[in-house]
PDB file of N, CA and C in Angstrom:
ATOM      1  N   UNK A   1      16.723   5.953 -10.126  1.00  0.00           N
ATOM      2  CA  UNK A   1      15.602   5.334 -11.183  1.00  0.00           C
ATOM      3  C   UNK A   1      15.313   5.979 -12.306  1.00  0.00           C
ATOM      4  N   UNK A   2      15.382   5.271 -13.293  1.00  0.00           N
ATOM      5  CA  UNK A   2      14.965   6.096 -14.406  1.00  0.00           C
ATOM      6  C   UNK A   2      13.315   6.264 -14.239  1.00  0.00           C
ATOM      7  N   UNK A   3      12.931   7.482 -14.751  1.00  0.00           N
ATOM      8  CA  UNK A   3      11.441   7.773 -15.096  1.00  0.00           C
ATOM      9  C   UNK A   3      11.246   8.375 -16.318  1.00  0.00           C
ATOM     10  N   UNK A   4      10.042   8.298 -16.573  1.00  0.00           N
ATOM     11  CA  UNK A   4       9.362   8.785 -17.952  1.00  0.00           C
ATOM     12  C   UNK A   4       9.268  10.219 -17.855  1.00  0.00           C
ATOM     13  N   UNK A   5       8.938  10.834 -19.080  1.00  0.00           N
ATOM     14  CA  UNK A   5       8.746  12.259 -19.069  1.00  0.00           C
ATOM     15  C   UNK A   5       7.202  12.304 -18.402  1.00  0.00           C
ATOM     16  N   UNK A   6       6.600  11.704 -18.628  1.00  0.00           N
ATOM     17  CA  UNK A   6       5.040  11.665 -18.337  1.00  0.00           C
ATOM     18  C   UNK A   6       4.971  11.417 -16.509  1.00  0.00           C
ATOM     19  N   UNK A   7       5.988  10.603 -16.077  1.00  0.00           N
ATOM     20  CA  UNK A   7       5.891  10.299 -14.524  1.00  0.00           C
ATOM     21  C   UNK A   7       6.503  11.780 -13.933  1.00  0.00           C
ATOM     22  N   UNK A   8       7.486  12.194 -14.778  1.00  0.00           N
ATOM     23  CA  UNK A   8       8.206  13.588 -14.367  1.00  0.00           C
ATOM     24  C   UNK A   8       7.274  14.585 -14.144  1.00  0.00           C
ATOM     25  N   UNK A   9       6.535  14.834 -15.070  1.00  0.00           N
ATOM     26  CA  UNK A   9       5.246  15.925 -15.268  1.00  0.00           C
ATOM     27  C   UNK A   9       4.532  15.704 -14.092  1.00  0.00           C
ATOM     28  N   UNK A  10       3.985  14.595 -14.063  1.00  0.00           N
ATOM     29  CA  UNK A  10       3.022  13.974 -12.835  1.00  0.00           C
ATOM     30  C   UNK A  10       3.379  14.276 -11.487  1.00  0.00           C
ATOM     31  N   UNK A  11       4.727  14.095 -11.080  1.00  0.00           N
ATOM     32  CA  UNK A  11       5.397  14.459 -10.005  1.00  0.00           C
ATOM     33  C   UNK A  11       5.767  15.569  -9.623  1.00  0.00           C
ATOM     34  N   UNK A  12       5.907  16.493 -10.796  1.00  0.00           N
ATOM     35  CA  UNK A  12       6.280  18.027 -10.558  1.00  0.00           C
ATOM     36  C   UNK A  12       5.006  18.800 -10.270  1.00  0.00           C
ATOM     37  N   UNK A  13       3.789  18.211 -10.917  1.00  0.00           N
ATOM     38  CA  UNK A  13       2.563  18.659 -10.787  1.00  0.00           C
ATOM     39  C   UNK A  13       1.913  18.354  -9.279  1.00  0.00           C
ATOM     40  N   UNK A  14       2.271  17.226  -8.726  1.00  0.00           N
ATOM     41  CA  UNK A  14       1.874  16.950  -7.376  1.00  0.00           C
ATOM     42  C   UNK A  14       2.639  17.724  -6.389  1.00  0.00           C
ATOM     43  N   UNK A  15       4.162  17.936  -6.651  1.00  0.00           N
ATOM     44  CA  UNK A  15       4.840  18.742  -5.639  1.00  0.00           C
ATOM     45  C   UNK A  15       4.357  20.222  -5.724  1.00  0.00           C
ATOM     46  N   UNK A  16       4.028  20.447  -6.889  1.00  0.00           N
ATOM     47  CA  UNK A  16       3.330  22.108  -6.854  1.00  0.00           C
ATOM     48  C   UNK A  16       2.297  22.219  -5.966  1.00  0.00           C
ATOM     49  N   UNK A  17       1.144  21.132  -6.332  1.00  0.00           N
ATOM     50  CA  UNK A  17      -0.216  21.062  -5.701  1.00  0.00           C
ATOM     51  C   UNK A  17       0.057  20.871  -4.390  1.00  0.00           C
ATOM     52  N   UNK A  18       1.050  19.941  -3.893  1.00  0.00           N
ATOM     53  CA  UNK A  18       1.214  19.774  -2.307  1.00  0.00           C
ATOM     54  C   UNK A  18       1.719  21.017  -1.561  1.00  0.00           C
ATOM     55  N   UNK A  19       2.674  21.744  -2.367  1.00  0.00           N
ATOM     56  CA  UNK A  19       3.147  23.075  -1.772  1.00  0.00           C
ATOM     57  C   UNK A  19       4.525  22.714  -0.990  1.00  0.00           C
ATOM     58  N   UNK A  20       4.816  23.707  -0.233  1.00  0.00           N
ATOM     59  CA  UNK A  20       6.372  23.725   0.585  1.00  0.00           C
ATOM     60  C   UNK A  20       5.847  23.014   1.851  1.00  0.00           C
ATOM     61  N   UNK A  21       6.813  22.172   2.289  1.00  0.00           N
ATOM     62  CA  UNK A  21       6.644  21.367   3.494  1.00  0.00           C
ATOM     63  C   UNK A  21       7.822  21.330   4.249  1.00  0.00           C
ATOM     64  N   UNK A  22       7.774  20.949   5.776  1.00  0.00           N
ATOM     65  CA  UNK A  22       9.097  20.849   6.441  1.00  0.00           C
ATOM     66  C   UNK A  22       9.849  19.765   6.314  1.00  0.00           C
ATOM     67  N   UNK A  23       9.395  18.893   5.523  1.00  0.00           N
ATOM     68  CA  UNK A  23      10.243  17.535   5.169  1.00  0.00           C
ATOM     69  C   UNK A  23      10.804  17.319   4.085  1.00  0.00           C
ATOM     70  N   UNK A  24      11.679  16.485   3.529  1.00  0.00           N
ATOM     71  CA  UNK A  24      12.232  16.120   2.330  1.00  0.00           C
ATOM     72  C   UNK A  24      11.414  15.223   1.764  1.00  0.00           C
ATOM     73  N   UNK A  25      10.617  14.537   2.486  1.00  0.00           N
ATOM     74  CA  UNK A  25       9.841  13.214   1.793  1.00  0.00           C
ATOM     75  C   UNK A  25       8.873  13.620   0.490  1.00  0.00           C
ATOM     76  N   UNK A  26       8.619  12.880  -0.251  1.00  0.00           N
ATOM     77  CA  UNK A  26       7.920  13.121  -1.323  1.00  0.00           C
ATOM     78  C   UNK A  26       6.524  12.965  -0.986  1.00  0.00           C
ATOM     79  N   UNK A  27       6.166  12.091  -0.319  1.00  0.00           N
ATOM     80  CA  UNK A  27       4.739  11.710  -0.055  1.00  0.00           C
ATOM     81  C   UNK A  27       4.494  11.807   1.536  1.00  0.00           C
ATOM     82  N   UNK A  28       3.432  12.841   1.650  1.00  0.00           N
ATOM     83  CA  UNK A  28       3.303  13.287   3.133  1.00  0.00           C
ATOM     84  C   UNK A  28       2.100  12.950   3.506  1.00  0.00           C
ATOM     85  N   UNK A  29       1.751  12.773   4.862  1.00  0.00           N
ATOM     86  CA  UNK A  29       0.552  12.542   5.668  1.00  0.00           C
ATOM     87  C   UNK A  29       0.057  13.818   6.382  1.00  0.00           C
ATOM     88  N   UNK A  30      -0.932  13.701   7.277  1.00  0.00           N
ATOM     89  CA  UNK A  30      -1.503  15.033   7.880  1.00  0.00           C
ATOM     90  C   UNK A  30      -0.233  15.429   8.852  1.00  0.00           C
ATOM     91  N   UNK A  31      -0.062  16.852   8.764  1.00  0.00           N
ATOM     92  CA  UNK A  31       0.924  17.309   9.650  1.00  0.00           C
ATOM     93  C   UNK A  31       2.289  17.336   9.107  1.00  0.00           C
ATOM     94  N   UNK A  32       2.345  17.369   7.782  1.00  0.00           N
ATOM     95  CA  UNK A  32       3.676  17.252   7.041  1.00  0.00           C
ATOM     96  C   UNK A  32       4.621  16.070   7.659  1.00  0.00           C
ATOM     97  N   UNK A  33       4.046  15.052   8.138  1.00  0.00           N
ATOM     98  CA  UNK A  33       4.962  14.212   8.322  1.00  0.00           C
ATOM     99  C   UNK A  33       4.956  12.909   7.150  1.00  0.00           C
ATOM    100  N   UNK A  34       6.248  12.349   7.040  1.00  0.00           N
ATOM    101  CA  UNK A  34       6.147  11.268   5.797  1.00  0.00           C
ATOM    102  C   UNK A  34       5.510  10.112   6.248  1.00  0.00           C
ATOM    103  N   UNK A  35       4.952   9.573   4.872  1.00  0.00           N
ATOM    104  CA  UNK A  35       4.148   8.520   5.406  1.00  0.00           C
ATOM    105  C   UNK A  35       4.988   7.245   5.532  1.00  0.00           C
ATOM    106  N   UNK A  36       4.663   6.602   6.538  1.00  0.00           N
ATOM    107  CA  UNK A  36       5.564   5.323   6.892  1.00  0.00           C
ATOM    108  C   UNK A  36       5.395   4.322   5.933  1.00  0.00           C
ATOM    109  N   UNK A  37       6.182   3.242   5.993  1.00  0.00           N
ATOM    110  CA  UNK A  37       6.434   2.126   4.896  1.00  0.00           C
ATOM    111  C   UNK A  37       5.053   1.391   5.000  1.00  0.00           C
ATOM    112  N   UNK A  38       4.572   1.011   6.478  1.00  0.00           N
ATOM    113  CA  UNK A  38       3.324   0.329   6.739  1.00  0.00           C
ATOM    114  C   UNK A  38       2.144   1.190   6.036  1.00  0.00           C
ATOM    115  N   UNK A  39       2.054   2.415   6.042  1.00  0.00           N
ATOM    116  CA  UNK A  39       1.094   3.367   5.465  1.00  0.00           C
ATOM    117  C   UNK A  39       0.979   2.958   3.690  1.00  0.00           C
ATOM    118  N   UNK A  40       2.223   3.064   3.115  1.00  0.00           N
ATOM    119  CA  UNK A  40       2.147   3.012   1.839  1.00  0.00           C
ATOM    120  C   UNK A  40       1.809   1.408   1.294  1.00  0.00           C
ATOM    121  N   UNK A  41       2.287   0.598   2.242  1.00  0.00           N
ATOM    122  CA  UNK A  41       1.914  -0.949   1.868  1.00  0.00           C
ATOM    123  C   UNK A  41       0.343  -0.861   1.939  1.00  0.00           C
ATOM    124  N   UNK A  42      -0.190  -0.523   2.976  1.00  0.00           N
ATOM    125  CA  UNK A  42      -1.412  -0.473   3.171  1.00  0.00           C
ATOM    126  C   UNK A  42      -2.291   0.365   2.108  1.00  0.00           C
ATOM    127  N   UNK A  43      -1.783   1.509   1.606  1.00  0.00           N
ATOM    128  CA  UNK A  43      -2.708   2.344   0.600  1.00  0.00           C
ATOM    129  C   UNK A  43      -2.455   1.195  -0.721  1.00  0.00           C
ATOM    130  N   UNK A  44      -1.381   0.688  -1.012  1.00  0.00           N
ATOM    131  CA  UNK A  44      -1.247  -0.202  -2.071  1.00  0.00           C
ATOM    132  C   UNK A  44      -2.415  -1.212  -2.093  1.00  0.00           C
ATOM    133  N   UNK A  45      -2.360  -2.112  -0.992  1.00  0.00           N
ATOM    134  CA  UNK A  45      -3.211  -2.946  -0.834  1.00  0.00           C
ATOM    135  C   UNK A  45      -4.862  -2.440  -1.001  1.00  0.00           C
ATOM    136  N   UNK A  46      -5.052  -1.366  -0.289  1.00  0.00           N
ATOM    137  CA  UNK A  46      -6.381  -0.852  -0.616  1.00  0.00           C
ATOM    138  C   UNK A  46      -6.903  -0.380  -1.967  1.00  0.00           C
ATOM    139  N   UNK A  47      -5.890   0.162  -2.702  1.00  0.00           N
ATOM    140  CA  UNK A  47      -5.939   0.404  -4.169  1.00  0.00           C
ATOM    141  C   UNK A  47      -6.056  -0.654  -5.084  1.00  0.00           C
ATOM    142  N   UNK A  48      -5.352  -1.726  -4.753  1.00  0.00           N
ATOM    143  CA  UNK A  48      -5.500  -2.947  -5.311  1.00  0.00           C
ATOM    144  C   UNK A  48      -6.761  -3.574  -5.421  1.00  0.00           C
ATOM    145  N   UNK A  49      -7.234  -3.471  -4.181  1.00  0.00           N
ATOM    146  CA  UNK A  49      -8.886  -4.198  -3.911  1.00  0.00           C
ATOM    147  C   UNK A  49      -9.759  -3.187  -4.768  1.00  0.00           C
ATOM    148  N   UNK A  50      -9.623  -1.692  -4.641  1.00  0.00           N
ATOM    149  CA  UNK A  50     -10.703  -0.871  -5.104  1.00  0.00           C
ATOM    150  C   UNK A  50     -10.656  -1.120  -6.745  1.00  0.00           C
ATOM    151  N   UNK A  51      -9.371  -1.323  -7.591  1.00  0.00           N
ATOM    152  CA  UNK A  51      -9.370  -1.478  -8.791  1.00  0.00           C
ATOM    153  C   UNK A  51      -9.331  -2.969  -9.270  1.00  0.00           C
ATOM    154  N   UNK A  52      -9.583  -3.831  -8.388  1.00  0.00           N
ATOM    155  CA  UNK A  52      -9.741  -5.281  -8.351  1.00  0.00           C
ATOM    156  C   UNK A  52      -8.299  -6.025  -9.300  1.00  0.00           C
ATOM    157  N   UNK A  53      -7.366  -5.151  -9.134  1.00  0.00           N
ATOM    158  CA  UNK A  53      -6.136  -5.801  -9.708  1.00  0.00           C
ATOM    159  C   UNK A  53      -5.538  -6.799  -8.616  1.00  0.00           C
ATOM    160  N   UNK A  54      -5.710  -6.417  -7.413  1.00  0.00           N
ATOM    161  CA  UNK A  54      -5.387  -7.186  -6.271  1.00  0.00           C
ATOM    162  C   UNK A  54      -5.946  -8.760  -6.371  1.00  0.00           C
ATOM    163  N   UNK A  55      -6.912  -9.253  -7.251  1.00  0.00           N
ATOM    164  CA  UNK A  55      -7.404 -10.330  -7.280  1.00  0.00           C
ATOM    165  C   UNK A  55      -6.584 -11.166  -8.229  1.00  0.00           C
ATOM    166  N   UNK A  56      -5.987 -10.352  -9.295  1.00  0.00           N
ATOM    167  CA  UNK A  56      -5.277 -11.337 -10.439  1.00  0.00           C
ATOM    168  C   UNK A  56      -3.821 -11.205  -9.867  1.00  0.00           C
ATOM    169  N   UNK A  57      -3.179 -10.360  -9.388  1.00  0.00           N
ATOM    170  CA  UNK A  57      -1.985 -10.142  -9.052  1.00  0.00           C
ATOM    171  C   UNK A  57      -1.659  -9.635  -7.860  1.00  0.00           C
ATOM    172  N   UNK A  58      -0.474  -9.647  -6.834  1.00  0.00           N
ATOM    173  CA  UNK A  58      -0.188  -9.119  -5.926  1.00  0.00           C
ATOM    174  C   UNK A  58       0.049  -7.662  -5.872  1.00  0.00           C
ATOM    175  N   UNK A  59      -0.223  -6.850  -5.048  1.00  0.00           N
ATOM    176  CA  UNK A  59      -0.314  -5.153  -5.422  1.00  0.00           C
ATOM    177  C   UNK A  59       0.391  -4.886  -3.874  1.00  0.00           C
ATOM    178  N   UNK A  60       1.811  -4.662  -4.108  1.00  0.00           N
ATOM    179  CA  UNK A  60       2.785  -4.294  -3.060  1.00  0.00           C
ATOM    180  C   UNK A  60       3.932  -3.678  -3.510  1.00  0.00           C
ATOM    181  N   UNK A  61       4.817  -2.968  -2.611  1.00  0.00           N
ATOM    182  CA  UNK A  61       5.966  -2.517  -3.050  1.00  0.00           C
ATOM    183  C   UNK A  61       6.910  -3.427  -3.743  1.00  0.00           C
ATOM    184  N   UNK A  62       6.850  -4.660  -3.278  1.00  0.00           N
ATOM    185  CA  UNK A  62       7.749  -5.619  -3.961  1.00  0.00           C
ATOM    186  C   UNK A  62       7.493  -6.003  -5.194  1.00  0.00           C
ATOM    187  N   UNK A  63       6.165  -6.092  -5.252  1.00  0.00           N
ATOM    188  CA  UNK A  63       5.686  -6.593  -6.753  1.00  0.00           C
ATOM    189  C   UNK A  63       5.895  -5.430  -7.613  1.00  0.00           C
ATOM    190  N   UNK A  64       5.771  -4.076  -7.206  1.00  0.00           N
ATOM    191  CA  UNK A  64       5.965  -3.083  -8.098  1.00  0.00           C
ATOM    192  C   UNK A  64       7.404  -3.061  -8.627  1.00  0.00           C
ATOM    193  N   UNK A  65       8.408  -3.188  -7.394  1.00  0.00           N
ATOM    194  CA  UNK A  65       9.775  -3.268  -7.979  1.00  0.00           C
ATOM    195  C   UNK A  65      10.218  -4.483  -8.966  1.00  0.00           C
ATOM    196  N   UNK A  66       9.493  -5.671  -8.735  1.00  0.00           N
ATOM    197  CA  UNK A  66       9.803  -6.969  -9.449  1.00  0.00           C
ATOM    198  C   UNK A  66       9.484  -6.379 -10.998  1.00  0.00           C
ATOM    199  N   UNK A  67       8.230  -6.129 -10.890  1.00  0.00           N
ATOM    200  CA  UNK A  67       7.534  -5.498 -12.354  1.00  0.00           C
ATOM    201  C   UNK A  67       8.391  -4.731 -13.005  1.00  0.00           C
ATOM    202  N   UNK A  68       8.965  -3.614 -12.367  1.00  0.00           N
ATOM    203  CA  UNK A  68      10.002  -2.655 -13.009  1.00  0.00           C
ATOM    204  C   UNK A  68      10.987  -3.176 -13.560  1.00  0.00           C
ATOM    205  N   UNK A  69      11.660  -4.224 -12.610  1.00  0.00           N
ATOM    206  CA  UNK A  69      12.878  -4.833 -13.116  1.00  0.00           C
ATOM    207  C   UNK A  69      12.616  -5.679 -14.225  1.00  0.00           C
ATOM    208  N   UNK A  70      11.524  -6.342 -14.349  1.00  0.00           N
ATOM    209  CA  UNK A  70      11.198  -7.220 -15.413  1.00  0.00           C
ATOM    210  C   UNK A  70      11.035  -6.278 -16.535  1.00  0.00           C
ATOM    211  N   UNK A  71      10.148  -5.096 -16.525  1.00  0.00           N
ATOM    212  CA  UNK A  71       9.900  -4.268 -17.679  1.00  0.00           C
ATOM    213  C   UNK A  71      11.192  -3.949 -18.205  1.00  0.00           C
ATOM    214  N   UNK A  72      12.446  -3.303 -17.267  1.00  0.00           N
ATOM    215  CA  UNK A  72      13.646  -2.591 -17.417  1.00  0.00           C
ATOM    216  C   UNK A  72      14.459  -3.845 -18.253  1.00  0.00           C
ATOM    217  N   UNK A  73      14.366  -4.954 -17.933  1.00  0.00           N
ATOM    218  CA  UNK A  73      15.217  -6.261 -18.352  1.00  0.00           C
ATOM    219  C   UNK A  73      14.632  -6.541 -19.896  1.00  0.00           C
ATOM    220  N   UNK A  74      13.364  -6.407 -20.039  1.00  0.00           N
ATOM    221  CA  UNK A  74      13.004  -6.573 -21.419  1.00  0.00           C
ATOM    222  C   UNK A  74      13.365  -5.212 -22.286  1.00  0.00           C
ATOM    223  N   UNK A  75      12.977  -4.364 -21.660  1.00  0.00           N
ATOM    224  CA  UNK A  75      13.511  -3.016 -22.697  1.00  0.00           C
ATOM    225  C   UNK A  75      14.922  -2.936 -23.006  1.00  0.00           C
ATOM    226  N   UNK A  76      15.808  -3.354 -21.975  1.00  0.00           N
ATOM    227  CA  UNK A  76      17.231  -3.193 -22.192  1.00  0.00           C
ATOM    228  C   UNK A  76      17.737  -4.375 -23.127  1.00  0.00           C
ATOM    229  N   UNK A  77      16.959  -5.303 -23.236  1.00  0.00           N
ATOM    230  CA  UNK A  77      17.309  -6.345 -24.026  1.00  0.00           C
ATOM    231  C   UNK A  77      17.127  -6.126 -25.356  1.00  0.00           C
ATOM    232  N   UNK A  78      15.914  -5.522 -25.637  1.00  0.00           N
ATOM    233  CA  UNK A  78      15.549  -5.125 -26.960  1.00  0.00           C
ATOM    234  C   UNK A  78      16.242  -3.989 -27.415  1.00  0.00           C
ATOM    235  N   UNK A  79      16.872  -3.130 -26.551  1.00  0.00           N
ATOM    236  CA  UNK A  79      17.705  -2.119 -27.206  1.00  0.00           C
ATOM    237  C   UNK A  79      19.339  -2.487 -27.327  1.00  0.00           C
ATOM    238  N   UNK A  80      19.703  -3.604 -26.499  1.00  0.00           N
ATOM    239  CA  UNK A  80      20.947  -3.998 -26.648  1.00  0.00           C
ATOM    240  C   UNK A  80      21.773  -3.695 -25.330  1.00  0.00           C
ATOM    241  N   UNK A  81      23.027  -4.215 -25.238  1.00  0.00           N
ATOM    242  CA  UNK A  81      23.774  -4.047 -24.215  1.00  0.00           C
ATOM    243  C   UNK A  81      23.077  -4.049 -22.821  1.00  0.00           C
ATOM    244  N   UNK A  82      22.431  -5.101 -22.864  1.00  0.00           N
ATOM    245  CA  UNK A  82      21.455  -5.429 -21.603  1.00  0.00           C
ATOM    246  C   UNK A  82      22.182  -5.568 -20.300  1.00  0.00           C
ATOM    247  N   UNK A  83      23.199  -6.473 -20.300  1.00  0.00           N
ATOM    248  CA  UNK A  83      23.916  -6.407 -18.917  1.00  0.00           C
ATOM    249  C   UNK A  83      24.279  -5.046 -18.428  1.00  0.00           C
ATOM    250  N   UNK A  84      25.088  -4.090 -19.189  1.00  0.00           N
ATOM    251  CA  UNK A  84      25.778  -3.156 -18.608  1.00  0.00           C
ATOM    252  C   UNK A  84      24.628  -2.066 -18.439  1.00  0.00           C
ATOM    253  N   UNK A  85      23.696  -1.823 -19.151  1.00  0.00           N
ATOM    254  CA  UNK A  85      22.285  -1.139 -18.853  1.00  0.00           C
ATOM    255  C   UNK A  85      21.486  -1.588 -17.370  1.00  0.00           C
ATOM    256  N   UNK A  86      21.513  -2.758 -17.379  1.00  0.00           N
ATOM    257  CA  UNK A  86      20.700  -3.490 -15.971  1.00  0.00           C
ATOM    258  C   UNK A  86      21.729  -3.025 -14.745  1.00  0.00           C
ATOM    259  N   UNK A  87      22.983  -3.402 -15.152  1.00  0.00           N
ATOM    260  CA  UNK A  87      23.991  -3.142 -14.014  1.00  0.00           C
ATOM    261  C   UNK A  87      23.922  -1.774 -13.590  1.00  0.00           C
ATOM    262  N   UNK A  88      23.889  -0.706 -14.462  1.00  0.00           N
ATOM    263  CA  UNK A  88      23.772   0.792 -13.971  1.00  0.00           C
ATOM    264  C   UNK A  88      22.470   0.990 -13.518  1.00  0.00           C
ATOM    265  N   UNK A  89      21.228   0.271 -13.642  1.00  0.00           N
ATOM    266  CA  UNK A  89      19.943   0.558 -13.156  1.00  0.00           C
ATOM    267  C   UNK A  89      20.104   0.157 -11.839  1.00  0.00           C
ATOM    268  N   UNK A  90      20.307  -1.139 -11.694  1.00  0.00           N
ATOM    269  CA  UNK A  90      20.306  -1.890 -10.434  1.00  0.00           C
ATOM    270  C   UNK A  90      21.309  -1.481  -9.391  1.00  0.00           C
ATOM    271  N   UNK A  91      22.452  -0.885  -9.671  1.00  0.00           N
ATOM    272  CA  UNK A  91      23.421  -0.602  -8.630  1.00  0.00           C
ATOM    273  C   UNK A  91      23.043   0.619  -7.842  1.00  0.00           C
ATOM    274  N   UNK A  92      21.963   1.208  -8.305  1.00  0.00           N
ATOM    275  CA  UNK A  92      21.558   2.383  -7.492  1.00  0.00           C
ATOM    276  C   UNK A  92      20.736   1.807  -6.184  1.00  0.00           C
ATOM    277  N   UNK A  93      20.531   0.341  -6.006  1.00  0.00           N
ATOM    278  CA  UNK A  93      20.002  -0.333  -4.839  1.00  0.00           C
ATOM    279  C   UNK A  93      20.938  -0.329  -3.593  1.00  0.00           C
ATOM    280  N   UNK A  94      20.437  -0.104  -2.506  1.00  0.00           N
ATOM    281  CA  UNK A  94      21.160  -0.132  -1.386  1.00  0.00           C
ATOM    282  C   UNK A  94      21.652  -1.469  -0.771  1.00  0.00           C
ATOM    283  N   UNK A  95      21.094  -2.467  -1.431  1.00  0.00           N
ATOM    284  CA  UNK A  95      21.431  -3.603  -0.971  1.00  0.00           C
ATOM    285  C   UNK A  95      22.533  -4.506  -2.241  1.00  0.00           C
ATOM    286  N   UNK A  96      23.836  -4.620  -2.020  1.00  0.00           N
ATOM    287  CA  UNK A  96      24.603  -5.208  -3.005  1.00  0.00           C
ATOM    288  C   UNK A  96      24.327  -6.488  -3.308  1.00  0.00           C
ATOM    289  N   UNK A  97      23.891  -7.329  -2.305  1.00  0.00           N
ATOM    290  CA  UNK A  97      23.793  -8.893  -2.553  1.00  0.00           C
ATOM    291  C   UNK A  97      22.217  -8.800  -3.343  1.00  0.00           C
ATOM    292  N   UNK A  98      21.247  -8.079  -3.056  1.00  0.00           N
ATOM    293  CA  UNK A  98      20.287  -8.014  -3.831  1.00  0.00           C
ATOM    294  C   UNK A  98      20.587  -7.607  -5.326  1.00  0.00           C
ATOM    295  N   UNK A  99      21.271  -6.718  -5.667  1.00  0.00           N
ATOM    296  CA  UNK A  99      21.425  -6.199  -6.993  1.00  0.00           C
ATOM    297  C   UNK A  99      22.018  -7.639  -7.634  1.00  0.00           C
ATOM    298  N   UNK A 100      22.988  -8.416  -7.123  1.00  0.00           N
ATOM    299  CA  UNK A 100      23.399  -9.375  -7.717  1.00  0.00           C
ATOM    300  C   UNK A 100      22.436 -10.322  -8.356  1.00  0.00           C
ATOM    301  N   UNK A 101      21.490 -10.777  -7.267  1.00  0.00           N
ATOM    302  CA  UNK A 101      20.240 -11.617  -7.679  1.00  0.00           C
ATOM    303  C   UNK A 101      19.321 -11.078  -8.995  1.00  0.00           C
ATOM    304  N   UNK A 102      19.177  -9.871  -8.815  1.00  0.00           N
ATOM    305  CA  UNK A 102      18.500  -9.264  -9.906  1.00  0.00           C
ATOM    306  C   UNK A 102      19.020  -9.058 -11.151  1.00  0.00           C
ATOM    307  N   UNK A 103      20.202  -9.100 -11.222  1.00  0.00           N
ATOM    308  CA  UNK A 103      20.970  -9.113 -12.599  1.00  0.00           C
ATOM    309  C   UNK A 103      20.828 -10.587 -13.029  1.00  0.00           C
ATOM    310  N   UNK A 104      21.095 -11.602 -12.522  1.00  0.00           N
ATOM    311  CA  UNK A 104      21.351 -12.884 -13.201  1.00  0.00           C
ATOM    312  C   UNK A 104      19.896 -13.248 -13.537  1.00  0.00           C
TER     313      UNK A 104
END
């Protein structure tokens, strides 16, 4: 997944602050255990409520992926060779049938 230089710096700072762990997971909970899918969904929902973003739009992993794909589609359309760049971005997904739907 393409990331900005700012996001890269933020993630590097987070990993440095977090320190060495016994797992390869990026986000961990108590006892160096990886956060579960359900925990991440719950956290996103709570942050959506706190920031009041959740009143206007859905705050979920799916909504974030969808927004990212829309942003990349607009960005690649503006920069040219839209279809090949979208294909390059979306083929990293693990579900080929889903990739086809997102390109269309």
